[in-house]
């Protein structure tokens, strides 16, 4: 099949999955409203009691909120894939002269677009709450690239339970640890304030270098070597998740 046919088929299937997103109220609430509610909670309830030594608390914690936004949003990729498999629509698609991988890519691109919209909303609310940035256009571009990589990595990770889960709850439950992971990182408090073993885990898990890199980019400060650690985590997770998801998908469609 030609590249043009693949792009055309994927575009049609992408329109289908995007319509499902816009018609689902609970998807909009979970992916956009919930992260905003968490941000409001930290800023107005907990922020006054947390000392970060870096000025405005919303400037400190926004990167963590952005990662939580993506982590909560990709759970719907697993959910939508599971529902498509359960309804038999995959078998119907396989009987049509369309690109087989187009079905999977449509779900991935839907996740990327939906999560991008949620991230824009969260940043807009943060600006209203007092978030200020010293980033130049290159800094914003770099931060956007990190968030896109993070979204793609978690989306392909979400494809795996979407294809293998036995129940709808199992398909979306994988995201819960991902949502909780930023809370045990430098996203909301410095890792130095944590007990020894917790601080060690927080320092060396993937969320911390990603959050620290985003925070430095937003502040217009040098990122340092932490950026390369963040990119290594992101590309590593993306490649492994993509290869595993494609292998599982090929077995399923056979």
Protein backbone atom coordinates (compact mmCIF):
# COMPACT_ATOMS: atom_id res chain seq x y z
CA UNK A 1 0.00 0.00 0.00
CA UNK A 2 1.30 3.44 -0.93
CA UNK A 3 2.18 6.12 1.60
CA UNK A 4 -0.58 8.35 0.23
CA UNK A 5 -3.17 5.61 0.81
CA UNK A 6 -1.88 5.06 4.35
CA UNK A 7 -2.14 8.78 5.13
CA UNK A 8 -5.63 8.97 3.62
CA UNK A 9 -6.90 5.91 5.53
CA UNK A 10 -5.38 7.10 8.79
CA UNK A 11 -6.95 10.53 8.30
CA UNK A 12 -10.43 9.05 7.87
CA UNK A 13 -10.01 6.83 10.94
CA UNK A 14 -8.60 9.78 12.89
CA UNK A 15 -11.77 11.74 12.19
CA UNK A 16 -13.79 8.85 13.59
CA UNK A 17 -11.87 8.66 16.88
CA UNK A 18 -11.84 12.45 17.28
CA UNK A 19 -15.63 12.50 17.00
CA UNK A 20 -15.79 9.94 19.80
CA UNK A 21 -13.66 12.19 22.00
CA UNK A 22 -15.71 15.32 21.41
CA UNK A 23 -18.94 13.46 22.16
CA UNK A 24 -17.66 12.03 25.45
CA UNK A 25 -18.25 14.39 28.37
CA UNK A 26 -16.35 12.21 30.86
CA UNK A 27 -13.28 12.29 28.61
CA UNK A 28 -13.28 16.09 28.59
CA UNK A 29 -13.77 16.24 32.37
CA UNK A 30 -11.00 13.76 33.12
CA UNK A 31 -8.40 15.04 30.67
CA UNK A 32 -8.91 18.77 31.16
CA UNK A 33 -10.96 19.67 34.22
CA UNK A 34 -9.37 17.23 36.70
CA UNK A 35 -5.77 18.49 36.22
CA UNK A 36 -7.03 22.07 36.56
CA UNK A 37 -8.79 21.11 39.82
CA UNK A 38 -5.57 19.54 41.14
CA UNK A 39 -3.67 22.71 40.23
CA UNK A 40 -6.20 24.87 42.05
CA UNK A 41 -5.94 22.62 45.10
CA UNK A 42 -2.16 22.90 45.26
CA UNK A 43 -2.06 26.63 44.57
CA UNK A 44 -4.79 27.80 46.95
CA UNK A 45 -4.86 25.09 49.64
CA UNK A 46 -1.44 23.45 49.90
CA UNK A 47 0.86 25.92 48.19
CA UNK A 48 1.17 28.27 51.14
CA UNK A 49 2.55 25.49 53.34
CA UNK A 50 5.12 24.21 50.80
CA UNK A 51 8.52 25.87 50.70
CA UNK A 52 10.47 25.39 47.48
CA UNK A 53 12.79 28.39 47.68
CA UNK A 54 12.15 29.23 44.04
CA UNK A 55 9.58 32.04 44.20
CA UNK A 56 6.04 31.49 42.96
CA UNK A 57 4.79 28.01 43.75
CA UNK A 58 2.72 27.75 40.56
CA UNK A 59 5.89 28.31 38.54
CA UNK A 60 7.43 25.40 40.43
CA UNK A 61 4.57 22.92 40.19
CA UNK A 62 3.16 23.54 36.69
CA UNK A 63 5.45 20.99 34.95
CA UNK A 64 4.15 18.26 37.25
CA UNK A 65 0.55 19.23 36.53
CA UNK A 66 1.26 19.03 32.80
CA UNK A 67 2.60 15.49 33.16
CA UNK A 68 -0.45 14.48 35.22
CA UNK A 69 -2.64 15.94 32.46
CA UNK A 70 -1.04 13.66 29.89
CA UNK A 71 -1.05 10.62 32.19
CA UNK A 72 -4.78 10.97 32.84
CA UNK A 73 -5.52 11.61 29.17
CA UNK A 74 -3.75 8.56 27.72
CA UNK A 75 -5.90 6.21 29.78
CA UNK A 76 -8.65 6.89 27.26
CA UNK A 77 -6.45 5.56 24.47
CA UNK A 78 -6.38 2.20 26.22
CA UNK A 79 -10.12 2.45 26.88
CA UNK A 80 -11.03 3.29 23.27
CA UNK A 81 -8.81 0.53 21.89
CA UNK A 82 -10.37 -2.00 24.25
CA UNK A 83 -13.88 -0.93 23.26
CA UNK A 84 -13.04 -1.20 19.55
CA UNK A 85 -11.68 -4.70 20.05
CA UNK A 86 -14.67 -5.73 22.16
CA UNK A 87 -17.19 -4.41 19.63
CA UNK A 88 -15.62 -6.28 16.72
CA UNK A 89 -14.91 -3.12 14.73
CA UNK A 90 -11.28 -4.16 14.28
CA UNK A 91 -12.40 -7.29 12.41
CA UNK A 92 -14.61 -5.18 10.17
CA UNK A 93 -11.74 -2.84 9.40
CA UNK A 94 -9.49 -5.78 8.53
CA UNK A 95 -12.01 -6.93 5.92
CA UNK A 96 -11.75 -3.56 4.14
CA UNK A 97 -8.98 -2.52 1.72
CA UNK A 98 -7.40 -0.06 4.17
CA UNK A 99 -4.02 0.21 5.86
CA UNK A 100 -4.02 -2.19 8.79
CA UNK A 101 -1.80 -0.01 10.96
CA UNK A 102 -3.99 3.02 10.22
CA UNK A 103 -6.44 1.93 12.90
CA UNK A 104 -3.73 1.98 15.55
CA UNK A 105 -2.18 5.24 14.37
CA UNK A 106 -5.58 6.93 14.43
CA UNK A 107 -5.87 6.21 18.15
CA UNK A 108 -2.30 7.41 18.78
CA UNK A 109 -2.80 10.66 16.87
CA UNK A 110 -6.14 11.23 18.60
CA UNK A 111 -4.35 10.95 21.94
CA UNK A 112 -1.70 13.42 20.80
CA UNK A 113 -4.26 15.99 19.63
CA UNK A 114 -6.59 15.61 22.61
CA UNK A 115 -3.76 15.84 25.12
CA UNK A 116 -2.29 18.85 23.35
CA UNK A 117 -5.63 20.64 23.70
CA UNK A 118 -5.73 19.73 27.40
CA UNK A 119 -2.17 21.00 27.93
CA UNK A 120 -3.00 24.31 26.26
CA UNK A 121 -6.02 24.69 28.55
CA UNK A 122 -3.98 23.92 31.68
CA UNK A 123 -1.27 26.43 30.71
CA UNK A 124 -3.93 29.07 30.01
CA UNK A 125 -5.46 28.58 33.46
CA UNK A 126 -1.98 28.65 35.02
CA UNK A 127 -1.34 32.02 33.39
CA UNK A 128 -4.56 33.32 34.92
CA UNK A 129 -3.39 32.04 38.31
CA UNK A 130 -0.10 33.90 38.10
CA UNK A 131 2.25 31.61 36.20
CA UNK A 132 5.02 33.64 34.60
CA UNK A 133 7.78 32.44 32.33
CA UNK A 134 11.13 33.74 31.21
CA UNK A 135 11.32 31.32 28.30
CA UNK A 136 12.10 32.60 24.82
CA UNK A 137 10.52 31.00 21.70
CA UNK A 138 13.29 28.39 21.57
CA UNK A 139 12.59 27.48 25.21
CA UNK A 140 8.87 27.09 24.54
CA UNK A 141 9.64 24.99 21.48
CA UNK A 142 11.94 22.73 23.50
CA UNK A 143 9.36 22.37 26.29
CA UNK A 144 6.67 21.56 23.72
CA UNK A 145 8.93 18.92 22.20
CA UNK A 146 9.45 17.28 25.58
CA UNK A 147 5.70 17.23 26.24
CA UNK A 148 5.00 15.77 22.79
CA UNK A 149 7.59 13.04 23.36
CA UNK A 150 6.11 12.35 26.79
CA UNK A 151 2.62 12.09 25.28
CA UNK A 152 3.74 9.75 22.51
CA UNK A 153 5.69 7.55 24.94
CA UNK A 154 2.75 7.18 27.32
CA UNK A 155 0.28 6.75 24.45
CA UNK A 156 2.18 3.81 22.98
CA UNK A 157 2.46 2.45 26.50
CA UNK A 158 -1.34 2.77 26.78
CA UNK A 159 -1.79 0.83 23.55
CA UNK A 160 -0.42 -2.30 25.23
CA UNK A 161 -3.14 -2.70 27.91
CA UNK A 162 -5.69 -1.52 25.34
CA UNK A 163 -4.82 -4.54 23.21
CA UNK A 164 -4.29 -7.08 25.99
CA UNK A 165 -6.71 -6.23 28.83
CA UNK A 166 -9.53 -8.63 29.65
CA UNK A 167 -11.87 -6.01 31.12
CA UNK A 168 -12.55 -2.33 30.51
CA UNK A 169 -11.35 -1.50 34.03
CA UNK A 170 -8.09 -3.31 33.39
CA UNK A 171 -7.57 -1.36 30.17
CA UNK A 172 -7.61 2.03 31.88
CA UNK A 173 -6.27 1.10 35.33
CA UNK A 174 -2.67 1.12 34.08
CA UNK A 175 -2.71 4.92 34.15
CA UNK A 176 -3.17 5.17 37.92
CA UNK A 177 0.51 4.53 38.74
CA UNK A 178 1.47 7.02 36.02
CA UNK A 179 -0.72 9.70 37.59
CA UNK A 180 0.72 9.01 41.05
CA UNK A 181 4.36 8.93 39.91
CA UNK A 182 4.76 12.75 39.75
CA UNK A 183 3.77 12.96 43.42
CA UNK A 184 6.92 10.97 44.30
CA UNK A 185 9.26 13.20 42.32
CA UNK A 186 10.46 16.79 42.32
CA UNK A 187 7.16 17.88 40.72
CA UNK A 188 5.59 19.34 43.88
CA UNK A 189 8.33 19.45 46.52
CA UNK A 190 12.14 19.27 46.32
CA UNK A 191 13.42 15.71 46.65
CA UNK A 192 15.81 16.83 49.41
CA UNK A 193 12.82 17.25 51.73
CA UNK A 194 11.89 13.54 51.44
CA UNK A 195 13.08 10.65 53.65
CA UNK A 196 16.18 8.83 52.41
CA UNK A 197 14.78 5.85 50.41
CA UNK A 198 11.90 7.94 49.04
CA UNK A 199 14.29 10.72 48.03
CA UNK A 200 16.52 8.19 46.24
CA UNK A 201 13.57 6.79 44.28
CA UNK A 202 12.27 10.28 43.50
CA UNK A 203 15.66 11.42 42.26
CA UNK A 204 16.26 8.52 39.88
CA UNK A 205 12.80 7.82 38.49
CA UNK A 206 12.01 9.27 35.03
CA UNK A 207 9.56 12.01 36.08
CA UNK A 208 12.12 14.05 38.04
CA UNK A 209 14.56 14.84 35.17
CA UNK A 210 11.59 15.56 32.87
CA UNK A 211 10.00 17.93 35.39
CA UNK A 212 13.32 19.61 36.20
CA UNK A 213 14.04 20.14 32.49
CA UNK A 214 10.60 21.67 31.86
CA UNK A 215 10.94 23.91 34.92
CA UNK A 216 14.32 25.20 33.76
CA UNK A 217 13.04 25.82 30.22
CA UNK A 218 9.98 27.71 31.49
CA UNK A 219 12.20 29.82 33.74
CA UNK A 220 14.62 30.59 30.92
CA UNK A 221 17.48 28.99 32.85
CA UNK A 222 20.20 26.56 31.67
CA UNK A 223 18.86 23.01 31.61
CA UNK A 224 22.16 21.19 32.11
CA UNK A 225 22.73 17.45 31.85
CA UNK A 226 19.30 16.64 33.23
CA UNK A 227 17.84 17.27 29.77
CA UNK A 228 19.82 14.38 28.29
CA UNK A 229 18.67 12.10 31.09
CA UNK A 230 15.06 13.15 30.42
CA UNK A 231 15.44 12.54 26.67
CA UNK A 232 17.04 9.15 27.28
CA UNK A 233 14.06 8.12 29.43
CA UNK A 234 11.55 9.45 26.92
CA UNK A 235 13.10 7.88 23.84
CA UNK A 236 13.76 4.62 25.71
CA UNK A 237 10.15 4.30 26.87
CA UNK A 238 8.83 5.35 23.45
CA UNK A 239 10.91 2.82 21.50
CA UNK A 240 10.23 -0.11 23.83
CA UNK A 241 6.51 0.66 24.09
CA UNK A 242 6.17 1.14 20.31
CA UNK A 243 7.92 -2.14 19.46
CA UNK A 244 5.91 -4.07 22.07
CA UNK A 245 2.60 -2.51 20.96
CA UNK A 246 3.23 -3.23 17.26
CA UNK A 247 4.19 -6.85 18.02
CA UNK A 248 1.04 -7.37 20.09
CA UNK A 249 -1.12 -5.69 17.45
CA UNK A 250 0.23 -7.89 14.68
CA UNK A 251 -0.57 -10.99 16.71
CA UNK A 252 -4.07 -9.73 17.39
CA UNK A 253 -4.94 -8.99 13.76
CA UNK A 254 -3.64 -12.39 12.67
